[in-house]
């Protein structure tokens, strides 16, 4: 009598363990897919913000250098003229009205007295300045960019200044252009509006970590050094990392320095906004996995029942008094081995099906969700394979011209539509073996195996012309610039060959955009 409970519990235990194994396998698959997708979304956003911050830093750097050249030109003219008030007023008005670089322009003598202003409504002409910017300019007597300070008119500003020397080398004063930090200025033009409903925004800090540009004007001028990203960028570093902002919100930030000023540009997006699509994606995966999971559980339950039945029959026949009948009955249980094999096949089939699903998710992690092109991980795997095979290939680096202004004017969704349509144009102009990649933001790569640089230039021109002739939804006309290089004829290192294509691309930008440039001939 004591064996009966053991017999019944053994069958139930086998059934429970089999069902539990199937559930755990399904749960592990879902957790693995969640982690893969989460890492991809975070990595993609960090890379996009890094590229965006680099571009804005480069734009700001170019503006500062251009502004310093404008001030130097005005200073030379004033030095030759002898710093007459009439000439000083003409130069101040020209710098303010013609360049649109500064909110105000001052010409100041070596004694700190203002002899010209633009606009003249500042009412500073004839005044002797005592501001921090004036003191620094008079003491240093060299081209400089100040830290933020309160001007004589009560505005928080940064000033770019250049000394004025006579033809005999005598110091006569300086000419200064100021940028207002709490009013609309050239910074708004350079940086645009990077504030979406998902909480994304950008900001700029000076070399001490004080805010120069921020969506919250009340914070301008305040320190922001309690932030790992700010600490890195004021040291001249560039990159991307996950941090918490001053409100304790987790952000995915890209950052880059402006070398000419010591400033730093930071573009960031809330981690929650980046991961918001993940819940929808996982819901889709779960709903797709439910039929397979239900089928797996039913098959497991059925085989578990079949396994427990022979065990129960074997235990019953052990107690059989009739030996002949027991032998006959036990002989009939030989099919138990067949059932065990079938169960193994069913479980293996379930596991293989689930692993195939993981494989599909891993393949999805190699592609860009917006365009369906390879992402940077997929590109890197291709490069490693081709390098091992010794495969030569041409490289086309493509960038959408003035894409930031498209986002600013038509919105983020319109920008995504343009990116998707550019990807479609790339497919139309590629061969079956070509590799197409979205390299981040509005940048793309085309790898053409077996093609030389001349053939690649023809492909680039054909693609550029077709893009220029196309009409893009909600935007209209769009142009692209392309840079061309070749591996290994241009460089034996594939990564360096990619950089050469990127250099050619930026040279195409500098030459006026909407053109294709091969790197050796980009000069």
Protein backbone atom coordinates (compact mmCIF):
# COMPACT_ATOMS: atom_id res chain seq x y z
CA UNK A 1 0.00 0.00 0.00
CA UNK A 2 2.92 2.35 0.61
CA UNK A 3 4.00 2.16 -3.07
CA UNK A 4 0.77 3.54 -4.51
CA UNK A 5 1.38 7.22 -3.63
CA UNK A 6 4.95 6.99 -4.98
CA UNK A 7 3.65 5.60 -8.27
CA UNK A 8 1.06 8.36 -8.70
CA UNK A 9 3.45 11.16 -7.71
CA UNK A 10 6.13 9.96 -10.14
CA UNK A 11 3.84 10.36 -13.13
CA UNK A 12 2.70 13.81 -11.97
CA UNK A 13 6.32 14.87 -11.36
CA UNK A 14 7.40 13.88 -14.88
CA UNK A 15 4.51 15.85 -16.35
CA UNK A 16 5.24 18.93 -14.20
CA UNK A 17 8.98 18.90 -14.98
CA UNK A 18 8.37 18.60 -18.73
CA UNK A 19 5.89 21.51 -18.75
CA UNK A 20 8.20 23.61 -16.57
CA UNK A 21 11.14 23.03 -18.93
CA UNK A 22 9.11 24.23 -21.90
CA UNK A 23 7.92 27.35 -20.04
CA UNK A 24 11.47 28.19 -18.85
CA UNK A 25 12.84 27.80 -22.39
CA UNK A 26 10.19 30.14 -23.78
CA UNK A 27 10.79 32.69 -20.99
CA UNK A 28 14.58 32.61 -21.55
CA UNK A 29 14.06 33.24 -25.25
CA UNK A 30 11.87 36.27 -24.56
CA UNK A 31 14.32 37.69 -22.01
CA UNK A 32 17.23 37.23 -24.41
CA UNK A 33 15.36 38.97 -27.24
CA UNK A 34 14.44 41.84 -24.91
CA UNK A 35 18.06 42.37 -23.90
CA UNK A 36 19.30 42.29 -27.49
CA UNK A 37 16.73 44.84 -28.65
CA UNK A 38 17.32 47.09 -25.63
CA UNK A 39 21.07 47.18 -26.21
CA UNK A 40 20.57 47.94 -29.91
CA UNK A 41 18.17 50.82 -29.25
CA UNK A 42 20.48 52.39 -26.68
CA UNK A 43 23.59 51.93 -28.83
CA UNK A 44 21.82 53.41 -31.87
CA UNK A 45 20.66 56.50 -29.98
CA UNK A 46 24.09 57.07 -28.42
CA UNK A 47 25.73 56.88 -31.84
CA UNK A 48 23.16 59.21 -33.43
CA UNK A 49 23.65 61.81 -30.66
CA UNK A 50 27.44 61.50 -30.91
CA UNK A 51 27.35 62.21 -34.65
CA UNK A 52 24.90 65.08 -34.16
CA UNK A 53 27.02 66.71 -31.43
CA UNK A 54 30.12 66.41 -33.63
CA UNK A 55 28.38 68.15 -36.52
CA UNK A 56 27.11 71.00 -34.34
CA UNK A 57 30.55 71.44 -32.75
CA UNK A 58 32.12 71.61 -36.21
CA UNK A 59 29.56 74.21 -37.30
CA UNK A 60 30.21 76.32 -34.20
CA UNK A 61 33.98 76.02 -34.71
CA UNK A 62 33.68 77.30 -38.28
CA UNK A 63 31.52 80.22 -37.14
CA UNK A 64 34.00 81.27 -34.45
CA UNK A 65 36.96 81.14 -36.85
CA UNK A 66 35.02 83.14 -39.46
CA UNK A 67 33.98 85.73 -36.86
CA UNK A 68 37.57 86.13 -35.67
CA UNK A 69 38.65 86.74 -39.25
CA UNK A 70 35.95 89.41 -39.64
CA UNK A 71 37.10 91.16 -36.46
CA UNK A 72 40.76 90.94 -37.55
CA UNK A 73 39.91 92.55 -40.89
CA UNK A 74 38.06 95.39 -39.16
CA UNK A 75 40.95 95.86 -36.72
CA UNK A 76 43.47 96.18 -39.59
CA UNK A 77 41.32 98.80 -41.30
CA UNK A 78 40.96 100.78 -38.07
CA UNK A 79 44.71 100.58 -37.46
CA UNK A 80 45.49 101.96 -40.92
CA UNK A 81 42.89 104.73 -40.50
CA UNK A 82 44.16 105.88 -37.13
CA UNK A 83 41.01 104.91 -35.16
CA UNK A 84 38.94 107.89 -36.28
CA UNK A 85 35.44 107.92 -34.82
CA UNK A 86 33.83 108.08 -38.26
CA UNK A 87 35.77 105.09 -39.51
CA UNK A 88 35.11 103.25 -36.24
CA UNK A 89 31.35 103.81 -36.59
CA UNK A 90 31.42 102.59 -40.19
CA UNK A 91 33.24 99.40 -39.20
CA UNK A 92 30.95 98.75 -36.22
CA UNK A 93 27.85 99.17 -38.39
CA UNK A 94 29.29 96.97 -41.15
CA UNK A 95 30.18 94.16 -38.75
CA UNK A 96 26.79 94.28 -37.04
CA UNK A 97 24.51 94.67 -40.04
CA UNK A 98 26.41 92.87 -42.81
CA UNK A 99 27.64 89.76 -41.00
CA UNK A 100 24.70 89.06 -38.66
CA UNK A 101 27.21 87.33 -36.38
CA UNK A 102 26.86 89.56 -33.31
CA UNK A 103 24.08 91.12 -31.27
CA UNK A 104 26.22 94.24 -30.86
CA UNK A 105 29.63 95.58 -31.92
CA UNK A 106 31.86 98.02 -29.99
CA UNK A 107 35.04 99.90 -30.88
CA UNK A 108 36.99 100.83 -27.73
CA UNK A 109 40.13 102.90 -27.29
CA UNK A 110 43.21 101.89 -25.31
CA UNK A 111 41.77 103.86 -22.39
CA UNK A 112 38.58 101.80 -22.41
CA UNK A 113 36.41 104.56 -23.90
CA UNK A 114 33.72 103.54 -26.42
CA UNK A 115 34.00 105.50 -29.68
CA UNK A 116 31.54 103.53 -31.80
CA UNK A 117 28.63 101.12 -31.25
CA UNK A 118 26.17 99.22 -33.34
CA UNK A 119 23.33 99.37 -32.73
CA UNK A 120 23.69 102.96 -31.59
CA UNK A 121 20.71 102.51 -29.28
CA UNK A 122 23.13 101.03 -26.74
CA UNK A 123 23.94 104.63 -25.66
CA UNK A 124 27.49 103.68 -24.72
CA UNK A 125 29.38 106.04 -27.01
CA UNK A 126 31.77 108.17 -24.97
CA UNK A 127 31.45 105.91 -21.91
CA UNK A 128 34.44 104.30 -20.21
CA UNK A 129 33.78 100.55 -19.77
CA UNK A 130 34.52 98.68 -16.53
CA UNK A 131 33.17 95.25 -17.48
CA UNK A 132 35.15 92.02 -17.12
CA UNK A 133 35.33 91.61 -20.89
CA UNK A 134 36.78 95.12 -21.31
CA UNK A 135 39.41 94.53 -18.65
CA UNK A 136 40.49 91.24 -20.24
CA UNK A 137 40.73 92.78 -23.73
CA UNK A 138 42.80 95.77 -22.52
CA UNK A 139 45.11 93.58 -20.45
CA UNK A 140 45.75 90.80 -22.95
CA UNK A 141 45.87 92.94 -26.13
CA UNK A 142 45.32 89.87 -28.32
CA UNK A 143 42.48 88.11 -30.11
CA UNK A 144 40.34 86.40 -27.50
CA UNK A 145 36.95 84.97 -26.53
CA UNK A 146 35.70 85.86 -23.06
CA UNK A 147 33.93 83.78 -20.48
CA UNK A 148 30.29 84.82 -19.85
CA UNK A 149 29.97 88.18 -18.05
CA UNK A 150 27.41 90.94 -17.45
CA UNK A 151 27.87 93.74 -19.99
CA UNK A 152 27.51 97.46 -19.31
CA UNK A 153 23.94 97.25 -20.68
CA UNK A 154 22.97 94.48 -18.24
CA UNK A 155 23.08 91.58 -20.72
CA UNK A 156 24.77 88.22 -20.05
CA UNK A 157 27.19 87.94 -22.97
CA UNK A 158 30.31 86.37 -24.39
CA UNK A 159 32.53 88.64 -26.45
CA UNK A 160 34.96 88.01 -29.31
CA UNK A 161 37.54 90.78 -29.62
CA UNK A 162 40.61 91.69 -31.66
CA UNK A 163 43.24 94.33 -30.80
CA UNK A 164 43.82 97.38 -33.00
CA UNK A 165 47.45 98.37 -33.66
CA UNK A 166 48.65 101.31 -35.70
CA UNK A 167 50.98 100.83 -38.64
CA UNK A 168 53.83 101.72 -36.28
CA UNK A 169 52.79 98.93 -33.87
CA UNK A 170 51.18 101.18 -31.25
CA UNK A 171 48.22 99.66 -29.37
CA UNK A 172 45.12 101.77 -30.08
CA UNK A 173 42.33 99.68 -28.50
CA UNK A 174 40.14 96.86 -29.74
CA UNK A 175 37.02 95.96 -31.72
CA UNK A 176 34.57 93.58 -30.04
CA UNK A 177 31.49 91.60 -31.12
CA UNK A 178 29.13 90.36 -28.41
CA UNK A 179 26.71 87.43 -28.39
CA UNK A 180 23.74 87.72 -26.02
CA UNK A 181 23.14 84.48 -24.15
CA UNK A 182 19.61 85.16 -22.87
CA UNK A 183 18.24 86.72 -26.05
CA UNK A 184 17.97 85.44 -29.57
CA UNK A 185 21.43 85.33 -31.11
CA UNK A 186 23.55 83.57 -33.68
CA UNK A 187 23.67 80.55 -31.35
CA UNK A 188 19.99 79.91 -32.13
CA UNK A 189 20.82 79.99 -35.85
CA UNK A 190 23.83 77.70 -35.48
CA UNK A 191 22.24 75.15 -33.18
CA UNK A 192 18.63 75.34 -34.39
CA UNK A 193 15.77 73.89 -32.36
CA UNK A 194 16.54 70.45 -30.96
CA UNK A 195 13.60 69.97 -28.64
CA UNK A 196 11.11 67.24 -29.36
CA UNK A 197 8.09 66.11 -27.43
CA UNK A 198 10.02 63.08 -26.26
CA UNK A 199 12.26 65.32 -24.10
CA UNK A 200 15.34 65.47 -26.37
CA UNK A 201 17.39 68.67 -26.25
CA UNK A 202 20.92 70.01 -26.58
CA UNK A 203 23.02 72.46 -24.60
CA UNK A 204 26.41 74.19 -24.78
CA UNK A 205 28.88 74.79 -21.93
CA UNK A 206 31.97 76.99 -21.75
CA UNK A 207 35.44 75.80 -20.72
CA UNK A 208 34.48 76.04 -17.03
CA UNK A 209 31.28 74.01 -17.44
CA UNK A 210 28.91 77.01 -17.29
CA UNK A 211 25.84 76.84 -19.53
CA UNK A 212 25.94 79.08 -22.63
CA UNK A 213 22.91 77.63 -24.44
CA UNK A 214 20.01 75.67 -22.98
CA UNK A 215 16.28 75.20 -23.60
CA UNK A 216 15.66 76.61 -20.12
CA UNK A 217 16.89 80.21 -20.37
CA UNK A 218 16.89 80.52 -16.57
CA UNK A 219 19.76 78.03 -16.39
CA UNK A 220 22.03 79.94 -18.81
CA UNK A 221 25.12 81.13 -16.99
CA UNK A 222 24.77 78.51 -14.25
CA UNK A 223 27.38 75.75 -13.68
CA UNK A 224 26.70 72.21 -14.94
CA UNK A 225 29.86 70.41 -13.85
CA UNK A 226 28.01 67.81 -11.74
CA UNK A 227 27.64 65.75 -14.89
CA UNK A 228 30.05 63.15 -16.30
CA UNK A 229 29.41 64.28 -19.87
CA UNK A 230 30.20 67.93 -19.08
CA UNK A 231 33.34 66.91 -17.18
CA UNK A 232 34.50 64.95 -20.24
CA UNK A 233 33.70 67.55 -22.90
CA UNK A 234 35.40 70.46 -21.09
CA UNK A 235 38.55 68.29 -21.11
CA UNK A 236 38.34 68.19 -24.90
CA UNK A 237 36.96 64.66 -25.09
CA UNK A 238 34.24 63.52 -27.49
CA UNK A 239 31.98 60.47 -27.34
CA UNK A 240 28.65 59.24 -25.97
CA UNK A 241 27.44 57.78 -22.68
CA UNK A 242 24.38 57.25 -20.51
CA UNK A 243 24.04 59.80 -17.70
CA UNK A 244 21.47 61.42 -15.42
CA UNK A 245 20.65 65.09 -15.95
CA UNK A 246 20.09 67.69 -13.23
CA UNK A 247 16.49 66.48 -12.81
CA UNK A 248 17.61 62.88 -12.24
CA UNK A 249 16.35 61.72 -15.65
CA UNK A 250 18.41 59.02 -17.39
CA UNK A 251 19.68 60.45 -20.70
CA UNK A 252 21.60 59.09 -23.69
CA UNK A 253 24.09 61.86 -24.47
CA UNK A 254 26.54 62.49 -27.30
CA UNK A 255 29.13 65.24 -26.85
CA UNK A 256 31.92 67.01 -28.73
CA UNK A 257 34.28 69.94 -27.98
CA UNK A 258 34.64 73.20 -29.91
CA UNK A 259 38.45 73.50 -30.01
CA UNK A 260 38.63 77.20 -30.85
CA UNK A 261 36.69 78.24 -27.74
CA UNK A 262 36.98 75.40 -25.23
CA UNK A 263 33.18 75.05 -25.36
CA UNK A 264 31.36 71.74 -25.46
CA UNK A 265 28.18 70.70 -27.31
CA UNK A 266 25.92 68.01 -25.79
CA UNK A 267 22.93 66.40 -27.56
CA UNK A 268 20.82 64.02 -25.48
CA UNK A 269 17.59 62.04 -25.46
CA UNK A 270 15.76 60.43 -22.53
CA UNK A 271 16.49 56.72 -22.19
CA UNK A 272 12.77 56.14 -21.59
CA UNK A 273 11.91 57.75 -24.94
CA UNK A 274 14.46 55.57 -26.73
CA UNK A 275 13.10 52.40 -25.13
CA UNK A 276 9.43 53.33 -25.59
CA UNK A 277 9.10 51.29 -28.85
CA UNK A 278 10.53 48.24 -27.08
CA UNK A 279 7.27 47.40 -25.29
CA UNK A 280 5.41 47.34 -28.60
CA UNK A 281 8.15 45.23 -30.17
CA UNK A 282 8.15 42.74 -27.32
CA UNK A 283 4.35 42.52 -27.41
CA UNK A 284 4.64 41.59 -31.08
CA UNK A 285 7.28 38.95 -30.31
CA UNK A 286 5.17 37.47 -27.50
CA UNK A 287 2.03 37.28 -29.64
CA UNK A 288 4.01 35.58 -32.39
CA UNK A 289 5.54 33.16 -29.91
CA UNK A 290 2.23 32.21 -28.24
CA UNK A 291 1.07 29.73 -30.96
CA UNK A 292 4.44 28.00 -30.97
CA UNK A 293 4.48 28.03 -27.16
CA UNK A 294 0.98 26.59 -26.89
CA UNK A 295 1.84 23.91 -29.45
CA UNK A 296 5.03 23.09 -27.56
CA UNK A 297 3.15 22.79 -24.25
CA UNK A 298 0.48 20.54 -25.76
CA UNK A 299 3.07 18.26 -27.34
CA UNK A 300 5.04 18.15 -24.09
CA UNK A 301 1.93 17.35 -22.08
CA UNK A 302 0.94 14.57 -24.47
CA UNK A 303 4.40 12.94 -24.43
CA UNK A 304 4.62 13.28 -20.66
CA UNK A 305 1.33 11.38 -20.37
CA UNK A 306 2.70 8.68 -22.68
CA UNK A 307 5.88 8.41 -20.58
CA UNK A 308 4.03 8.16 -17.28
CA UNK A 309 1.66 5.46 -18.60
CA UNK A 310 4.36 2.82 -19.33
CA UNK A 311 5.93 3.50 -15.94
CA UNK A 312 2.57 2.91 -14.25
CA UNK A 313 2.03 -0.27 -16.33
CA UNK A 314 5.48 -1.54 -15.40
CA UNK A 315 4.83 -1.01 -11.68
CA UNK A 316 1.45 -2.76 -11.95
CA UNK A 317 2.89 -5.78 -13.75
CA UNK A 318 5.64 -6.17 -11.14
CA UNK A 319 2.82 -7.06 -8.73
CA UNK A 320 1.18 -9.44 -11.17
CA UNK A 321 0.75 -12.92 -9.65
CA UNK A 322 0.59 -14.62 -13.03
CA UNK A 323 4.20 -14.68 -14.23
CA UNK A 324 3.32 -15.61 -17.81
CA UNK A 325 0.83 -12.79 -18.10
CA UNK A 326 3.34 -10.37 -16.50
CA UNK A 327 6.03 -11.33 -19.06
CA UNK A 328 3.55 -10.83 -21.86
CA UNK A 329 2.43 -7.46 -20.56
CA UNK A 330 6.00 -6.24 -19.90
CA UNK A 331 6.97 -7.35 -23.37
CA UNK A 332 4.27 -5.06 -24.65
CA UNK A 333 5.90 -2.11 -22.85
CA UNK A 334 8.97 -2.26 -25.08
CA UNK A 335 7.43 0.64 -27.04
CA UNK A 336 8.49 2.83 -24.11
CA UNK A 337 11.89 3.33 -25.77
CA UNK A 338 10.22 4.58 -28.93
CA UNK A 339 8.14 7.05 -26.90
CA UNK A 340 11.27 8.38 -25.14
CA UNK A 341 12.91 8.95 -28.52
CA UNK A 342 9.83 10.75 -29.78
CA UNK A 343 9.79 12.97 -26.70
CA UNK A 344 13.44 13.86 -27.24
CA UNK A 345 12.70 14.75 -30.86
CA UNK A 346 9.72 16.89 -29.83
CA UNK A 347 11.68 18.75 -27.16
CA UNK A 348 14.62 19.21 -29.51
CA UNK A 349 12.24 20.45 -32.17
CA UNK A 350 10.75 22.97 -29.75
CA UNK A 351 14.17 24.18 -28.65
CA UNK A 352 15.41 24.43 -32.25
CA UNK A 353 12.33 26.41 -33.25
CA UNK A 354 12.85 28.78 -30.34
CA UNK A 355 16.58 29.13 -31.09
CA UNK A 356 15.70 29.91 -34.70
CA UNK A 357 13.57 32.73 -33.39
CA UNK A 358 16.52 34.01 -31.36
CA UNK A 359 18.60 33.78 -34.55
CA UNK A 360 16.02 35.87 -36.37
CA UNK A 361 16.10 38.45 -33.58
CA UNK A 362 19.90 38.53 -33.80
CA UNK A 363 19.64 39.13 -37.55
CA UNK A 364 17.19 41.93 -36.83
CA UNK A 365 19.79 43.44 -34.47
CA UNK A 366 22.15 43.80 -37.47
CA UNK A 367 19.75 46.01 -39.40
CA UNK A 368 18.50 49.57 -38.99
CA UNK A 369 14.77 49.48 -38.08
CA UNK A 370 13.92 52.66 -40.03
CA UNK A 371 15.50 51.77 -43.39
CA UNK A 372 16.06 48.02 -43.28
CA UNK A 373 19.72 48.63 -44.24
CA UNK A 374 22.63 47.19 -42.27
CA UNK A 375 23.58 49.07 -39.12
CA UNK A 376 27.13 49.56 -37.81
CA UNK A 377 27.21 46.04 -36.32
CA UNK A 378 26.18 44.51 -39.65
CA UNK A 379 28.75 46.68 -41.46
CA UNK A 380 31.52 45.56 -39.11
CA UNK A 381 30.68 41.88 -39.63
CA UNK A 382 30.77 42.37 -43.41
CA UNK A 383 34.15 44.14 -43.23
CA UNK A 384 35.60 41.34 -41.10
CA UNK A 385 34.37 38.71 -43.56
CA UNK A 386 35.68 40.56 -46.62
CA UNK A 387 39.01 41.26 -44.99
CA UNK A 388 39.44 37.52 -44.24
CA UNK A 389 38.50 36.71 -47.86
CA UNK A 390 40.77 39.39 -49.34
CA UNK A 391 37.79 40.99 -51.06
CA UNK A 392 38.51 44.36 -52.72
CA UNK A 393 35.69 46.89 -52.73
CA UNK A 394 34.83 50.49 -53.50
CA UNK A 395 33.33 52.73 -50.80
CA UNK A 396 30.65 55.40 -51.21
CA UNK A 397 30.01 57.64 -48.18
CA UNK A 398 26.70 59.51 -48.57
CA UNK A 399 25.27 62.36 -46.47
CA UNK A 400 21.95 64.20 -46.88
CA UNK A 401 22.61 67.88 -47.48
CA UNK A 402 21.23 70.31 -44.88
CA UNK A 403 19.37 67.54 -43.10
CA UNK A 404 19.24 69.50 -39.84
CA UNK A 405 17.25 72.24 -41.55
CA UNK A 406 14.83 69.60 -42.89
CA UNK A 407 14.21 68.40 -39.32
CA UNK A 408 13.88 71.97 -38.06
CA UNK A 409 11.46 73.05 -40.81
CA UNK A 410 9.33 69.94 -41.34
CA UNK A 411 9.73 67.93 -38.15
CA UNK A 412 11.38 64.72 -37.04
CA UNK A 413 8.87 62.44 -38.79
CA UNK A 414 9.46 64.16 -42.14
CA UNK A 415 13.20 63.71 -41.61
CA UNK A 416 12.67 59.98 -40.99
CA UNK A 417 10.63 59.79 -44.22
CA UNK A 418 13.48 61.40 -46.17
CA UNK A 419 15.97 58.91 -44.69
CA UNK A 420 13.72 55.98 -45.68
CA UNK A 421 13.31 57.31 -49.25
CA UNK A 422 17.07 57.83 -49.62
CA UNK A 423 17.53 54.18 -48.59
CA UNK A 424 15.02 53.16 -51.29
CA UNK A 425 17.00 55.15 -53.90
CA UNK A 426 20.17 53.37 -52.77
CA UNK A 427 18.53 49.98 -53.32
CA UNK A 428 17.44 50.99 -56.82
CA UNK A 429 21.02 51.92 -57.70
CA UNK A 430 22.81 48.90 -56.23
CA UNK A 431 23.61 45.36 -57.34
CA UNK A 432 22.61 42.19 -55.57
CA UNK A 433 26.02 41.75 -53.92
CA UNK A 434 26.45 45.37 -52.82
CA UNK A 435 26.27 46.18 -49.11
CA UNK A 436 24.09 49.11 -48.02
CA UNK A 437 24.45 50.58 -44.55
CA UNK A 438 22.99 53.42 -42.51
CA UNK A 439 26.02 54.71 -40.66
CA UNK A 440 24.09 56.87 -38.19
CA UNK A 441 21.85 59.93 -38.50
CA UNK A 442 21.69 61.04 -42.13
CA UNK A 443 24.93 59.25 -43.13
CA UNK A 444 25.01 56.12 -45.31
CA UNK A 445 27.64 53.79 -46.78
CA UNK A 446 27.60 51.71 -49.98
CA UNK A 447 30.24 48.98 -50.37
CA UNK A 448 30.68 47.76 -53.96
CA UNK A 449 32.69 44.49 -54.06
CA UNK A 450 34.85 44.05 -57.15
CA UNK A 451 34.36 47.66 -58.30
CA UNK A 452 37.14 50.22 -58.80
CA UNK A 453 37.01 53.91 -57.87
CA UNK A 454 36.04 55.02 -61.40
CA UNK A 455 33.05 52.67 -61.50
CA UNK A 456 32.08 53.76 -57.98
CA UNK A 457 32.16 57.43 -59.03
CA UNK A 458 29.72 56.63 -61.86
CA UNK A 459 27.41 54.88 -59.40
CA UNK A 460 27.70 57.85 -57.02
CA UNK A 461 26.85 60.35 -59.74
CA UNK A 462 23.89 58.30 -60.95
CA UNK A 463 22.55 58.01 -57.41
CA UNK A 464 23.14 61.72 -56.70
CA UNK A 465 21.33 62.78 -59.87
CA UNK A 466 18.36 60.51 -59.24
CA UNK A 467 18.01 61.81 -55.68
CA UNK A 468 18.18 65.40 -56.90
CA UNK A 469 15.48 64.67 -59.51
CA UNK A 470 13.15 62.92 -57.07
CA UNK A 471 10.38 64.59 -55.08
CA UNK A 472 10.31 63.69 -51.37
CA UNK A 473 7.04 63.50 -49.46
CA UNK A 474 6.27 66.63 -47.39
CA UNK A 475 9.75 68.07 -48.14
CA UNK A 476 10.16 68.48 -51.89
CA UNK A 477 13.65 68.46 -53.35
CA UNK A 478 16.59 66.95 -51.46
CA UNK A 479 20.23 66.66 -52.47
CA UNK A 480 23.06 64.47 -51.26
CA UNK A 481 26.87 64.66 -51.24
CA UNK A 482 29.07 61.59 -51.74
CA UNK A 483 32.70 60.71 -51.10
CA UNK A 484 34.45 57.79 -52.85
CA UNK A 485 37.46 55.69 -51.86
CA UNK A 486 38.69 52.15 -52.49
CA UNK A 487 40.10 49.25 -50.51
CA UNK A 488 42.88 48.23 -50.71
CA UNK A 489 44.19 50.51 -53.50
CA UNK A 490 43.65 53.70 -51.43
CA UNK A 491 44.63 52.19 -48.08
CA UNK A 492 45.36 48.59 -46.97
CA UNK A 493 43.31 49.10 -43.81
CA UNK A 494 39.52 48.84 -44.44
CA UNK A 495 38.71 51.18 -41.54
CA UNK A 496 41.14 53.79 -42.87
CA UNK A 497 39.67 53.38 -46.37
CA UNK A 498 36.25 54.19 -44.85
CA UNK A 499 37.73 57.31 -43.25
CA UNK A 500 39.12 58.41 -46.62
CA UNK A 501 35.62 58.14 -48.11
CA UNK A 502 34.32 60.21 -45.20
CA UNK A 503 37.02 62.84 -45.82
CA UNK A 504 36.06 62.98 -49.49
CA UNK A 505 32.43 63.42 -48.42
CA UNK A 506 33.26 66.42 -46.24
CA UNK A 507 35.33 67.88 -49.08
CA UNK A 508 32.26 67.53 -51.31
CA UNK A 509 30.34 69.46 -48.64
CA UNK A 510 32.97 72.18 -48.56
CA UNK A 511 32.89 72.49 -52.36
CA UNK A 512 29.20 73.35 -52.35
CA UNK A 513 27.28 70.09 -51.66
CA UNK A 514 25.25 68.07 -54.20
CA UNK A 515 28.35 66.52 -55.73
CA UNK A 516 30.53 63.41 -55.71
CA UNK A 517 34.25 63.48 -54.90
CA UNK A 518 36.91 60.75 -55.16
CA UNK A 519 39.38 61.13 -52.30
CA UNK A 520 42.72 61.43 -54.20
CA UNK A 521 41.17 64.11 -56.43
CA UNK A 522 39.29 65.97 -53.67
CA UNK A 523 41.85 68.77 -53.55
